[in-house]
Amino acid sequence: MKNKTVQSLALAIVTVVGFSACNGLGKLVKNADKITYKVTPDPMEMHGDSVGIKITGTYPAKIFPKKAAVTVTPVIKYNGGEKALKPVVLVGDKSELKGQKISYDKGGNFNYTSDKVAYMPEMKVATLELRAQGVVKTKKKDLPAKKVADGIIVTPLLVRNDEKPVMAKDNFQKTIPRTMTGEIFFVISQSQVRSTEINSKEMKDMKEFITNGIAKNFTFKGINISAYASPDGELDKNANLAQDRAKETVKSLMEWSKEKKVKFTNGEAKEFYNTVTTAEDWDGFKKAMEASSIKDKELILRVLTMYSDGPTREKEIKNLSKTWAELADKILPKLRRSVITVNADENSRTDAQITALLNSASDSLSVEEMLYGATLTQDINTKLAIYKKAESKYGSDWRTSNNVGYILIMQNKLADAEAEFKKADGLSANNPIVKNNLGICARWRGDRKAAMDLYKSATGVSEATYNMGVIEIQNGNYGAAVSDFGSNNTFNAALGKLLNGSNDGAMTTIEAAPEKDDASGLYLKAVISARQGKADGVTSNLKSAIAKDATYKQMAKDDAEFIKFRDNADFKGLTN
């Protein structure tokens, strides 16, 4: 009885072994180490908040069972968990299942592209493992699990919140151009200035402008006098007449300024007057005709078009005897004149005066003076206090709220800054500066789509284009990011070039960036050096980065960018 039991057990073992040999799974398991895999990228990479991989596998000849189906499942393993990716099914020559064919006689390759899986912070230190199970009918056999990739590169996470908010500019002018114009009219063929003209309402207003300007400390730049003769009579006489009218006008003004003790300059008063003369004022004649209702208006204008020389024009117009009499009465007297233009600069309050008033009597300042006054200090808290004062007094001006928000966002006070920008948006709808600033708030809140829409609506604001680059890095669109950053030399511009495959361009940019000697800039230079295969650059930059910020020690130890340097003695000395 005992012998029969032993014989039965032996038969069962032989049967199992024989079946295993027949279905080929045992041979497949035994030769699993001969299967080769190539993972792209290796190490894996986070790209646009997710991780995706491609795998090429090669099975040698004579190991893949003809009737087998093998399900291969890539698994990302990380501290505290794992994430299985979609599986791929491989089938032998005679398998009835669907999948990629692998020949028993010749072997074969398979290609696999995973779905994208959301990156989690826990995945920073991770490996990729392939788990496979062979099936022939109802029989199953697991192949040994195999690690095929080590680490996930998460360099896009280095992106900095360096978006560019925009300050609304003031319209303060240290000098404000002021002008005043008056006219003096002359009797035909005469150049003397009549008292009725020098004391006309228009001339009184001009004189008042001058005296008030002196009281307000205007800087008078000069008086221009254009003297004219009407286009009737002989050209030479008219030329002399226009010159005499200019001289008499200057003489009258100088007499007035002397009487009133008006001093325009410290030098000779005559140098202050600039004169221009016109012997025959045909341009003035044409404009006066165009504005008139004279009966033969169109005919006269046609004469001006047909003939260019003065004598012919005058002759043809005088042929219209009735019309000429009307011209002599209504048009020509207004052309015998001097046009006086006073040019001055009104001087605004000095920087020192504005600064003093901001501290003692800010209510006496205009909105332009207050906005300008904030630019006179480098202290961010003082700036904020000034903009808040401006907002309190001139709350209907969108710039005051925008600039309060600007300072707040520079202080990383997101909620308060956004409230101010929304206030400004309500005061100035579709303002591109405000839209740009609201876009920064949206991005910082994690709403990239809303931020991008806001940036796109910020037409003409170059800062908005730069800010789009930050989003493009996060979205994994590295070429677009490089384009958006343009010629800016910043940390993010260097990061964009690195992610887009330009290692040398990235190094050039970070070396020209303000952050080049910051801990973050030094760390980025270490990453660039790693991609360039320069061990000295890795260790020297890491050493400096860690000296400035010790958190970079563990960061470098875990960073898959440095996988190839983990056995380097200098690297170990820095990170262990």
Protein backbone atom coordinates (compact mmCIF):
# COMPACT_ATOMS: atom_id res chain seq x y z
CA MET A 1 0.00 0.00 0.00
CA LYS A 2 2.80 2.33 0.86
CA ASN A 3 4.53 1.62 -2.44
CA LYS A 4 1.37 2.49 -4.37
CA THR A 5 1.11 5.85 -2.60
CA VAL A 6 4.72 6.67 -3.45
CA GLN A 7 4.16 5.64 -7.04
CA SER A 8 1.05 7.87 -7.29
CA LEU A 9 2.88 10.87 -5.87
CA ALA A 10 5.78 10.39 -8.24
CA LEU A 11 3.37 10.16 -11.15
CA ALA A 12 1.68 13.42 -10.12
CA ILE A 13 5.00 15.22 -9.94
CA VAL A 14 6.01 13.89 -13.34
CA THR A 15 2.64 14.98 -14.75
CA VAL A 16 2.93 18.56 -13.40
CA VAL A 17 6.51 18.87 -14.58
CA GLY A 18 5.56 17.39 -17.92
CA PHE A 19 2.65 19.81 -18.32
CA SER A 20 4.78 22.75 -17.32
CA ALA A 21 7.34 21.72 -19.88
CA CYS A 22 4.64 21.29 -22.52
CA ASN A 23 3.01 24.70 -21.92
CA GLY A 24 6.42 26.42 -21.90
CA LEU A 25 5.79 28.70 -18.93
CA GLY A 26 8.55 27.15 -16.90
CA LYS A 27 11.06 27.74 -19.65
CA LEU A 28 9.86 31.32 -19.97
CA VAL A 29 10.31 31.90 -16.25
CA LYS A 30 13.71 30.22 -16.29
CA ASN A 31 14.89 32.53 -19.13
CA ALA A 32 13.24 35.71 -17.89
CA ASP A 33 16.62 37.30 -17.27
CA LYS A 34 17.28 37.13 -21.02
CA ILE A 35 14.38 39.48 -21.77
CA THR A 36 15.65 43.05 -22.24
CA TYR A 37 13.80 46.31 -21.76
CA LYS A 38 14.46 49.93 -22.61
CA VAL A 39 12.54 52.66 -20.86
CA THR A 40 12.15 56.16 -22.30
CA PRO A 41 12.79 58.50 -20.61
CA ASP A 42 15.12 56.94 -18.09
CA PRO A 43 14.98 58.23 -15.42
CA MET A 44 11.28 58.87 -15.76
CA GLU A 45 10.13 62.49 -15.97
CA MET A 46 7.32 64.56 -14.61
CA HIS A 47 5.91 66.50 -17.55
CA GLY A 48 2.98 68.83 -17.13
CA ASP A 49 1.95 67.43 -13.72
CA SER A 50 1.99 63.84 -14.93
CA VAL A 51 4.30 60.93 -15.65
CA GLY A 52 4.27 58.87 -18.83
CA ILE A 53 6.71 56.33 -20.20
CA LYS A 54 7.53 54.29 -23.27
CA ILE A 55 8.95 50.78 -23.06
CA THR A 56 10.54 48.65 -25.74
CA GLY A 57 10.96 44.96 -24.81
CA THR A 58 12.89 42.25 -26.64
CA TYR A 59 12.28 38.52 -26.23
CA PRO A 60 14.98 36.21 -27.59
CA ALA A 61 14.06 33.19 -29.73
CA LYS A 62 12.87 29.91 -28.24
CA ILE A 63 11.48 31.18 -24.94
CA PHE A 64 8.02 32.64 -25.60
CA PRO A 65 5.44 29.80 -25.51
CA LYS A 66 3.40 29.52 -28.69
CA LYS A 67 0.07 29.22 -26.86
CA ALA A 68 0.87 31.64 -24.04
CA ALA A 69 -0.38 35.13 -23.28
CA VAL A 70 1.83 37.25 -21.06
CA THR A 71 0.41 40.33 -19.32
CA VAL A 72 3.12 42.86 -18.48
CA THR A 73 2.19 45.55 -15.95
CA PRO A 74 4.52 48.49 -15.28
CA VAL A 75 4.33 49.63 -11.66
CA ILE A 76 5.72 52.86 -10.22
CA LYS A 77 6.88 52.08 -6.71
CA TYR A 78 7.46 54.87 -4.24
CA ASN A 79 7.74 55.40 -0.53
CA GLY A 80 4.42 54.40 0.99
CA GLY A 81 2.73 53.03 -2.10
CA GLU A 82 2.73 52.09 -5.74
CA LYS A 83 0.82 52.94 -8.91
CA ALA A 84 0.12 50.29 -11.52
CA LEU A 85 0.02 51.58 -15.08
CA LYS A 86 -2.10 50.10 -17.83
CA PRO A 87 -0.87 46.59 -18.79
CA VAL A 88 0.26 45.33 -22.19
CA VAL A 89 -0.65 41.82 -23.43
CA LEU A 90 1.85 39.76 -25.42
CA VAL A 91 0.73 36.58 -27.20
CA GLY A 92 2.47 33.62 -28.76
CA ASP A 93 2.10 32.31 -32.30
CA LYS A 94 -0.86 30.05 -31.49
CA SER A 95 -2.56 32.03 -28.73
CA GLU A 96 -6.25 32.72 -29.21
CA LEU A 97 -6.05 35.97 -27.23
CA LYS A 98 -5.44 39.44 -28.64
CA GLY A 99 -2.14 41.21 -28.08
CA GLN A 100 1.24 41.98 -29.57
CA LYS A 101 2.69 38.87 -31.23
CA ILE A 102 5.97 37.38 -30.05
CA SER A 103 7.34 34.54 -32.20
CA TYR A 104 8.66 31.42 -30.52
CA ASP A 105 11.13 30.67 -33.29
CA LYS A 106 12.42 34.16 -33.92
CA GLY A 107 11.59 35.98 -30.72
CA GLY A 108 10.31 39.53 -31.08
CA ASN A 109 9.86 43.04 -29.79
CA PHE A 110 6.96 44.87 -28.20
CA ASN A 111 6.31 48.59 -27.80
CA TYR A 112 4.39 50.10 -24.97
CA THR A 113 3.21 53.63 -24.23
CA SER A 114 1.59 54.26 -20.89
CA ASP A 115 -1.30 56.48 -20.07
CA LYS A 116 -0.25 59.59 -18.19
CA VAL A 117 -0.64 59.27 -14.45
CA ALA A 118 -0.82 62.22 -12.08
CA TYR A 119 2.43 62.95 -10.32
CA MET A 120 2.35 62.92 -6.53
CA PRO A 121 5.07 64.35 -4.29
CA GLU A 122 5.66 60.88 -2.86
CA MET A 123 6.87 59.78 -6.30
CA LYS A 124 10.01 61.92 -6.18
CA VAL A 125 11.97 58.86 -5.02
CA ALA A 126 10.58 56.04 -7.15
CA THR A 127 11.42 53.07 -9.32
CA LEU A 128 9.67 51.46 -12.27
CA GLU A 129 9.11 47.73 -11.97
CA LEU A 130 7.69 45.34 -14.55
CA ARG A 131 5.49 42.53 -13.31
CA ALA A 132 4.50 39.81 -15.79
CA GLN A 133 2.23 36.81 -15.62
CA GLY A 134 2.09 34.07 -18.25
CA VAL A 135 -1.10 32.15 -18.97
CA VAL A 136 -1.70 29.01 -21.00
CA LYS A 137 -5.35 27.99 -20.82
CA THR A 138 -6.04 27.76 -17.08
CA LYS A 139 -2.43 27.60 -16.00
CA LYS A 140 -0.69 30.77 -14.76
CA LYS A 141 2.86 31.51 -13.81
CA ASP A 142 4.44 34.77 -12.56
CA LEU A 143 7.72 35.94 -14.01
CA PRO A 144 10.23 37.51 -11.60
CA ALA A 145 9.54 41.20 -11.08
CA LYS A 146 12.18 43.37 -12.74
CA LYS A 147 13.26 46.95 -12.01
CA VAL A 148 13.74 48.74 -15.32
CA ALA A 149 14.05 52.43 -14.36
CA ASP A 150 15.16 54.34 -11.31
CA GLY A 151 13.89 57.77 -10.27
CA ILE A 152 11.57 60.46 -11.60
CA ILE A 153 13.01 63.79 -12.68
CA VAL A 154 10.90 66.59 -11.26
CA THR A 155 13.01 69.57 -12.36
CA PRO A 156 9.95 71.53 -13.64
CA LEU A 157 8.95 71.88 -9.98
CA LEU A 158 11.89 74.25 -9.56
CA VAL A 159 9.86 76.93 -11.38
CA ARG A 160 9.73 80.11 -9.31
CA ASN A 161 6.92 82.56 -8.67
CA ASP A 162 8.78 85.30 -10.47
CA GLU A 163 5.85 86.67 -12.47
CA LYS A 164 6.02 90.33 -13.30
CA PRO A 165 3.24 92.50 -11.84
CA VAL A 166 2.81 95.93 -13.38
CA MET A 167 2.73 99.21 -11.50
CA ALA A 168 0.46 101.92 -12.87
CA LYS A 169 2.54 104.94 -13.82
CA ASP A 170 2.01 108.47 -12.63
CA ASN A 171 1.62 111.35 -15.06
CA PHE A 172 3.60 113.74 -12.91
CA GLN A 173 5.64 116.29 -14.84
CA LYS A 174 8.41 118.28 -13.23
CA THR A 175 7.80 120.97 -15.82
CA ILE A 176 4.47 121.51 -17.57
CA PRO A 177 4.59 123.32 -20.92
CA ARG A 178 2.36 126.39 -20.96
CA THR A 179 1.60 128.67 -23.93
CA MET A 180 -0.49 131.75 -24.51
CA THR A 181 -1.27 133.39 -27.83
CA GLY A 182 -2.48 136.84 -28.77
CA GLU A 183 -2.87 138.89 -31.95
CA ILE A 184 -2.30 142.53 -32.86
CA PHE A 185 -3.97 143.89 -36.03
CA PHE A 186 -2.61 146.74 -38.14
CA VAL A 187 -4.06 149.37 -40.46
CA ILE A 188 -3.33 148.84 -44.14
CA SER A 189 0.23 149.82 -45.10
CA GLN A 190 1.07 150.74 -41.48
CA SER A 191 3.27 149.11 -38.81
CA GLN A 192 2.61 151.14 -35.70
CA VAL A 193 0.87 149.36 -32.82
CA ARG A 194 -2.34 151.10 -31.86
CA SER A 195 -3.25 151.45 -28.19
CA THR A 196 -6.60 149.75 -28.85
CA GLU A 197 -4.71 146.67 -30.01
CA ILE A 198 -2.08 146.47 -27.27
CA ASN A 199 -4.89 146.86 -24.72
CA SER A 200 -7.39 144.49 -26.33
CA LYS A 201 -9.05 141.76 -24.26
CA GLU A 202 -6.87 139.15 -25.90
CA MET A 203 -3.66 141.02 -25.15
CA LYS A 204 -4.75 141.72 -21.57
CA ASP A 205 -5.24 137.96 -21.08
CA MET A 206 -1.76 137.32 -22.44
CA LYS A 207 -0.21 139.91 -20.14
CA GLU A 208 -2.05 138.42 -17.17
CA PHE A 209 -0.70 135.00 -18.14
CA ILE A 210 2.82 136.42 -18.03
CA THR A 211 2.45 138.20 -14.67
CA ASN A 212 0.75 135.21 -13.05
CA GLY A 213 3.44 132.93 -14.46
CA ILE A 214 6.17 135.04 -12.93
CA ALA A 215 4.39 134.84 -9.58
CA LYS A 216 4.24 131.05 -9.92
CA ASN A 217 7.91 130.84 -10.84
CA PHE A 218 7.32 129.88 -14.46
CA THR A 219 10.40 129.47 -16.59
CA PHE A 220 9.76 131.60 -19.68
CA LYS A 221 11.46 130.11 -22.71
CA GLY A 222 10.76 132.81 -25.25
CA ILE A 223 8.19 134.81 -27.18
CA ASN A 224 7.63 134.02 -30.85
CA ILE A 225 6.25 136.74 -33.10
CA SER A 226 4.98 135.98 -36.58
CA ALA A 227 4.27 139.19 -38.49
CA TYR A 228 2.27 139.26 -41.73
CA ALA A 229 1.24 141.54 -44.57
CA SER A 230 -1.90 140.86 -46.56
CA PRO A 231 -1.38 139.57 -50.13
CA ASP A 232 -2.23 142.87 -51.82
CA GLY A 233 0.24 145.46 -53.03
CA GLU A 234 3.86 145.14 -54.09
CA LEU A 235 5.87 142.21 -52.74
CA ASP A 236 8.95 144.26 -51.71
CA LYS A 237 6.88 146.81 -49.84
CA ASN A 238 4.93 144.03 -48.10
CA ALA A 239 8.18 142.33 -47.06
CA ASN A 240 9.41 145.53 -45.44
CA LEU A 241 6.01 146.15 -43.91
CA ALA A 242 5.95 142.68 -42.28
CA GLN A 243 9.44 143.25 -40.86
CA ASP A 244 8.43 146.64 -39.47
CA ARG A 245 5.32 145.15 -37.86
CA ALA A 246 7.51 142.52 -36.16
CA LYS A 247 9.87 145.19 -34.83
CA GLU A 248 7.04 147.38 -33.57
CA THR A 249 5.41 144.41 -31.84
CA VAL A 250 8.65 143.59 -30.02
CA LYS A 251 9.09 147.26 -29.11
CA SER A 252 5.58 147.45 -27.61
CA LEU A 253 6.07 144.30 -25.56
CA MET A 254 9.43 145.47 -24.27
CA GLU A 255 7.96 148.82 -23.25
CA TRP A 256 5.18 147.05 -21.38
CA SER A 257 7.58 144.64 -19.63
CA LYS A 258 9.84 147.54 -18.63
CA GLU A 259 6.89 149.53 -17.26
CA LYS A 260 5.63 146.55 -15.27
CA LYS A 261 9.17 145.48 -14.29
CA VAL A 262 8.70 142.10 -15.89
CA LYS A 263 12.00 140.23 -16.24
CA PHE A 264 12.00 137.25 -18.54
CA THR A 265 15.74 136.58 -18.57
CA ASN A 266 18.89 137.75 -16.83
CA GLY A 267 20.37 138.84 -20.13
CA GLU A 268 19.42 141.20 -22.93
CA ALA A 269 15.64 141.21 -23.41
CA LYS A 270 15.89 141.33 -27.20
CA GLU A 271 17.36 137.83 -27.19
CA PHE A 272 14.10 136.62 -25.76
CA TYR A 273 12.06 137.49 -28.88
CA ASN A 274 12.06 135.36 -32.02
CA THR A 275 10.53 136.92 -35.12
CA VAL A 276 9.34 135.42 -38.38
CA THR A 277 7.80 137.48 -41.20
CA THR A 278 5.55 136.64 -44.13
CA ALA A 279 5.32 139.22 -46.92
CA GLU A 280 2.13 137.89 -48.52
CA ASP A 281 -0.06 135.73 -46.33
CA TRP A 282 -1.66 133.58 -49.00
CA ASP A 283 -2.07 130.64 -46.60
CA GLY A 284 -4.01 132.83 -44.20
CA PHE A 285 -6.00 134.20 -47.13
CA LYS A 286 -6.95 130.68 -48.24
CA LYS A 287 -8.05 129.60 -44.75
CA ALA A 288 -10.10 132.77 -44.34
CA MET A 289 -11.75 132.22 -47.72
CA GLU A 290 -12.59 128.60 -46.90
CA ALA A 291 -14.29 129.75 -43.69
CA SER A 292 -16.16 132.63 -45.35
CA SER A 293 -19.53 132.89 -47.08
CA ILE A 294 -18.40 135.25 -49.85
CA LYS A 295 -20.38 134.79 -53.06
CA ASP A 296 -17.44 134.01 -55.39
CA LYS A 297 -15.66 131.88 -52.78
CA GLU A 298 -15.24 128.78 -54.97
CA LEU A 299 -14.04 130.82 -57.94
CA ILE A 300 -11.38 132.55 -55.84
CA LEU A 301 -10.21 129.26 -54.34
CA ARG A 302 -9.92 127.91 -57.88
CA VAL A 303 -7.71 130.86 -58.81
CA LEU A 304 -5.41 130.01 -55.90
CA THR A 305 -5.14 126.47 -57.21
CA MET A 306 -4.52 127.50 -60.81
CA TYR A 307 -1.83 130.11 -60.16
CA SER A 308 1.12 129.91 -57.80
CA ASP A 309 2.67 133.40 -58.06
CA GLY A 310 1.24 136.25 -56.04
CA PRO A 311 0.95 138.97 -58.69
CA THR A 312 -1.08 136.76 -61.03
CA ARG A 313 -3.36 135.68 -58.21
CA GLU A 314 -3.95 139.29 -57.15
CA LYS A 315 -4.62 140.36 -60.75
CA GLU A 316 -7.15 137.60 -61.39
CA ILE A 317 -8.97 138.23 -58.11
CA LYS A 318 -9.06 142.00 -58.68
CA ASN A 319 -10.79 141.35 -62.01
CA LEU A 320 -13.75 140.40 -59.86
CA SER A 321 -14.28 144.05 -58.88
CA LYS A 322 -17.30 143.59 -56.62
CA THR A 323 -15.73 140.62 -54.92
CA TRP A 324 -12.41 142.42 -54.38
CA ALA A 325 -14.21 145.19 -52.54
CA GLU A 326 -15.80 142.62 -50.26
CA LEU A 327 -12.42 140.96 -49.66
CA ALA A 328 -10.85 144.29 -48.79
CA ASP A 329 -13.56 144.81 -46.21
CA LYS A 330 -13.95 141.32 -44.66
CA ILE A 331 -10.83 139.25 -45.33
CA LEU A 332 -7.69 141.33 -45.85
CA PRO A 333 -7.81 143.37 -42.59
CA LYS A 334 -7.51 140.17 -40.51
CA LEU A 335 -4.35 139.22 -42.37
CA ARG A 336 -2.46 142.40 -41.42
CA ARG A 337 -1.31 141.17 -38.04
CA SER A 338 1.29 139.93 -35.61
CA VAL A 339 0.69 136.64 -33.84
CA ILE A 340 2.38 136.55 -30.42
CA THR A 341 3.04 133.20 -28.71
CA VAL A 342 4.48 133.12 -25.19
CA ASN A 343 6.22 129.83 -24.29
CA ALA A 344 6.85 128.88 -20.67
CA ASP A 345 7.35 125.91 -18.35
CA GLU A 346 5.37 125.70 -15.14
CA ASN A 347 7.62 124.21 -12.48
CA SER A 348 6.03 121.60 -10.27
CA ARG A 349 6.86 120.98 -6.64
CA THR A 350 10.34 119.65 -6.03
CA ASP A 351 11.02 116.10 -4.87
CA ALA A 352 11.92 117.40 -1.43
CA GLN A 353 8.68 119.39 -1.19
CA ILE A 354 6.56 116.42 -2.24
CA THR A 355 8.30 114.10 0.22
CA ALA A 356 7.79 116.59 3.05
CA LEU A 357 4.10 117.05 2.21
CA LEU A 358 3.55 113.29 2.07
CA ASN A 359 4.56 113.20 5.71
CA SER A 360 2.83 116.37 6.88
CA ALA A 361 -0.02 117.34 4.54
CA SER A 362 -0.64 114.67 1.95
CA ASP A 363 -4.18 115.94 1.31
CA SER A 364 -2.65 119.00 -0.36
CA LEU A 365 -1.07 116.84 -3.05
CA SER A 366 -2.63 115.84 -6.35
CA VAL A 367 -3.00 112.17 -7.26
CA GLU A 368 -0.12 112.54 -9.72
CA GLU A 369 2.11 114.01 -7.01
CA MET A 370 1.23 111.20 -4.60
CA LEU A 371 1.84 108.45 -7.13
CA TYR A 372 5.11 110.09 -8.09
CA GLY A 373 6.05 110.60 -4.45
CA ALA A 374 5.87 106.85 -3.85
CA THR A 375 8.63 106.37 -6.43
CA LEU A 376 10.99 108.57 -4.39
CA THR A 377 11.48 105.89 -1.73
CA GLN A 378 12.87 102.38 -1.96
CA ASP A 379 11.23 101.20 1.25
CA ILE A 380 8.37 98.91 0.30
CA ASN A 381 6.35 99.63 3.44
CA THR A 382 6.64 103.37 2.91
CA LYS A 383 5.48 102.91 -0.68
CA LEU A 384 2.48 100.93 0.54
CA ALA A 385 1.56 103.63 3.05
CA ILE A 386 1.70 106.31 0.32
CA TYR A 387 -0.43 104.31 -2.11
CA LYS A 388 -2.98 103.67 0.61
CA LYS A 389 -3.17 107.42 1.30
CA ALA A 390 -3.65 108.03 -2.41
CA GLU A 391 -6.36 105.37 -2.53
CA SER A 392 -8.10 106.94 0.45
CA LYS A 393 -8.26 110.35 -1.20
CA TYR A 394 -8.48 109.42 -4.87
CA GLY A 395 -10.31 106.10 -4.68
CA SER A 396 -11.97 106.56 -8.06
CA ASP A 397 -8.58 106.42 -9.77
CA TRP A 398 -7.86 102.76 -10.60
CA ARG A 399 -4.12 103.31 -10.34
CA THR A 400 -4.24 103.82 -6.58
CA SER A 401 -5.84 100.42 -5.93
CA ASN A 402 -3.68 98.71 -8.52
CA ASN A 403 -0.50 100.01 -6.92
CA VAL A 404 -1.61 98.99 -3.43
CA GLY A 405 -2.17 95.51 -4.88
CA TYR A 406 1.24 95.60 -6.54
CA ILE A 407 3.01 96.12 -3.22
CA LEU A 408 0.88 93.50 -1.49
CA ILE A 409 1.65 90.84 -4.07
CA MET A 410 5.34 91.68 -3.76
CA GLN A 411 4.84 90.94 -0.06
CA ASN A 412 3.20 87.58 -0.95
CA LYS A 413 -0.15 88.72 0.47
CA LEU A 414 -2.20 87.04 -2.24
CA ALA A 415 -5.74 87.47 -0.92
CA ASP A 416 -5.27 91.15 -0.05
CA ALA A 417 -3.55 91.88 -3.37
CA GLU A 418 -6.28 90.18 -5.39
CA ALA A 419 -8.96 92.19 -3.59
CA GLU A 420 -7.18 95.41 -4.58
CA PHE A 421 -6.76 94.32 -8.21
CA LYS A 422 -10.45 93.43 -8.40
CA LYS A 423 -11.25 96.90 -7.07
CA ALA A 424 -9.07 98.41 -9.80
CA ASP A 425 -10.73 96.17 -12.38
CA GLY A 426 -14.11 97.52 -11.34
CA LEU A 427 -12.88 101.08 -11.85
CA SER A 428 -11.21 100.42 -15.21
CA ALA A 429 -12.78 97.51 -17.07
CA ASN A 430 -10.57 95.54 -19.44
CA ASN A 431 -7.48 97.42 -18.34
CA PRO A 432 -4.53 95.29 -19.56
CA ILE A 433 -2.33 96.19 -16.58
CA VAL A 434 -4.98 95.06 -14.12
CA LYS A 435 -5.70 91.90 -16.15
CA ASN A 436 -2.01 90.97 -16.00
CA ASN A 437 -1.95 91.43 -12.23
CA LEU A 438 -5.15 89.43 -11.76
CA GLY A 439 -3.55 86.70 -13.88
CA ILE A 440 -0.72 86.39 -11.37
CA CYS A 441 -3.24 85.97 -8.56
CA ALA A 442 -5.10 83.27 -10.48
CA ARG A 443 -1.89 81.36 -11.18
CA TRP A 444 -0.79 81.55 -7.58
CA ARG A 445 -4.18 80.15 -6.58
CA GLY A 446 -3.52 77.22 -8.93
CA ASP A 447 -5.96 78.18 -11.69
CA ARG A 448 -3.67 78.13 -14.70
CA LYS A 449 -6.44 78.31 -17.27
CA ALA A 450 -7.96 81.45 -15.76
CA ALA A 451 -4.48 82.95 -15.45
CA MET A 452 -3.65 82.27 -19.10
CA ASP A 453 -6.96 83.80 -20.22
CA LEU A 454 -6.23 86.92 -18.18
CA TYR A 455 -2.71 87.21 -19.59
CA LYS A 456 -4.04 86.90 -23.13
CA SER A 457 -6.45 89.76 -22.45
CA ALA A 458 -3.57 91.97 -21.23
CA THR A 459 -2.93 93.27 -24.74
CA GLY A 460 0.29 95.21 -25.16
CA VAL A 461 1.69 94.35 -21.71
CA SER A 462 5.05 92.66 -22.27
CA GLU A 463 5.10 91.40 -18.69
CA ALA A 464 2.03 89.27 -19.45
CA THR A 465 3.95 87.42 -22.17
CA TYR A 466 6.73 86.63 -19.71
CA ASN A 467 4.18 85.46 -17.17
CA MET A 468 2.70 83.05 -19.71
CA GLY A 469 6.10 81.34 -19.77
CA VAL A 470 5.73 80.32 -16.13
CA ILE A 471 2.46 78.58 -16.95
CA GLU A 472 3.95 76.92 -20.02
CA ILE A 473 6.68 75.36 -17.85
CA GLN A 474 4.02 73.95 -15.56
CA ASN A 475 2.02 72.72 -18.54
CA GLY A 476 5.08 71.02 -20.02
CA ASN A 477 5.21 73.27 -23.11
CA TYR A 478 8.88 74.10 -22.82
CA GLY A 479 9.38 75.51 -26.31
CA ALA A 480 6.52 77.94 -25.77
CA ALA A 481 8.01 78.90 -22.40
CA VAL A 482 11.36 79.74 -23.97
CA SER A 483 9.58 81.87 -26.58
CA ASP A 484 7.54 83.69 -23.92
CA PHE A 485 10.58 84.45 -21.77
CA GLY A 486 12.34 85.95 -24.78
CA SER A 487 15.65 87.62 -23.99
CA ASN A 488 15.02 87.87 -20.25
CA ASN A 489 17.86 86.52 -18.14
CA THR A 490 16.07 85.04 -15.15
CA PHE A 491 16.02 81.78 -13.22
CA ASN A 492 12.83 80.68 -14.97
CA ALA A 493 14.17 81.62 -18.40
CA ALA A 494 17.21 79.41 -17.73
CA LEU A 495 14.98 76.62 -16.44
CA GLY A 496 12.84 76.79 -19.57
CA LYS A 497 15.90 76.43 -21.81
CA LEU A 498 17.17 73.49 -19.75
CA LEU A 499 13.85 71.66 -19.96
CA ASN A 500 13.72 72.39 -23.68
CA GLY A 501 17.07 70.66 -24.17
CA SER A 502 19.46 73.62 -24.37
CA ASN A 503 21.96 72.92 -21.60
CA ASP A 504 24.51 75.48 -22.74
CA GLY A 505 21.82 78.12 -23.31
CA ALA A 506 20.48 77.47 -19.83
CA MET A 507 23.91 77.93 -18.25
CA THR A 508 24.52 81.17 -20.15
CA THR A 509 21.16 82.54 -19.03
CA ILE A 510 21.47 81.63 -15.35
CA GLU A 511 24.97 83.10 -15.24
CA ALA A 512 23.46 86.41 -16.40
CA ALA A 513 20.47 86.20 -14.05
CA PRO A 514 20.08 88.03 -10.73
CA GLU A 515 19.66 84.63 -9.03
CA LYS A 516 22.98 83.24 -10.25
CA ASP A 517 24.54 83.28 -6.76
CA ASP A 518 21.38 82.48 -4.81
CA ALA A 519 21.05 78.97 -3.41
CA SER A 520 18.36 78.25 -6.01
CA GLY A 521 20.52 79.54 -8.86
CA LEU A 522 23.51 77.52 -7.70
CA TYR A 523 21.36 74.38 -7.46
CA LEU A 524 20.08 74.94 -10.98
CA LYS A 525 23.67 75.30 -12.19
CA ALA A 526 24.44 71.94 -10.53
CA VAL A 527 21.52 70.33 -12.40
CA ILE A 528 22.70 71.86 -15.69
CA SER A 529 26.21 70.56 -15.02
CA ALA A 530 24.79 67.08 -14.38
CA ARG A 531 23.06 67.13 -17.76
CA GLN A 532 26.32 68.31 -19.33
CA GLY A 533 28.15 65.43 -17.64
CA LYS A 534 30.44 67.81 -15.72
CA ALA A 535 31.12 66.32 -12.28
CA ASP A 536 33.15 69.32 -11.09
CA GLY A 537 30.28 71.66 -11.91
CA VAL A 538 27.87 69.42 -10.04
CA THR A 539 29.88 69.26 -6.84
CA SER A 540 31.14 72.87 -6.77
CA ASN A 541 27.70 74.36 -7.33
CA LEU A 542 26.01 71.94 -4.94
CA LYS A 543 28.56 72.73 -2.25
CA SER A 544 27.83 76.45 -2.56
CA ALA A 545 24.06 75.91 -2.69
CA ILE A 546 24.05 73.72 0.43
CA ALA A 547 26.26 76.21 2.27
CA LYS A 548 23.63 78.88 1.67
CA ASP A 549 20.59 76.64 2.25
CA ALA A 550 20.98 73.26 3.95
CA THR A 551 17.66 71.96 2.59
CA TYR A 552 19.36 71.41 -0.76
CA LYS A 553 21.41 68.57 0.74
CA GLN A 554 18.48 66.16 1.01
CA MET A 555 16.98 67.56 -2.15
CA ALA A 556 20.10 66.68 -4.13
CA LYS A 557 20.29 63.25 -2.55
CA ASP A 558 16.78 62.42 -3.77
CA ASP A 559 16.99 64.23 -7.10
CA ALA A 560 17.02 61.85 -10.08
CA GLU A 561 19.01 64.46 -12.03
CA PHE A 562 22.06 63.24 -10.08
CA ILE A 563 21.54 59.47 -10.41
CA LYS A 564 24.72 59.07 -12.44
CA PHE A 565 26.72 60.87 -9.75
CA ARG A 566 25.47 58.97 -6.70
CA ASP A 567 28.60 56.83 -6.59
CA ASN A 568 30.85 59.86 -6.95
CA ALA A 569 32.84 60.29 -3.75
CA ASP A 570 32.54 64.08 -3.75
CA PHE A 571 28.79 63.90 -4.35
CA LYS A 572 28.42 61.37 -1.55
CA GLY A 573 30.40 63.62 0.76
CA LEU A 574 27.99 66.49 0.12
CA THR A 575 24.74 64.55 0.42
CA ASN A 576 25.35 61.92 3.09
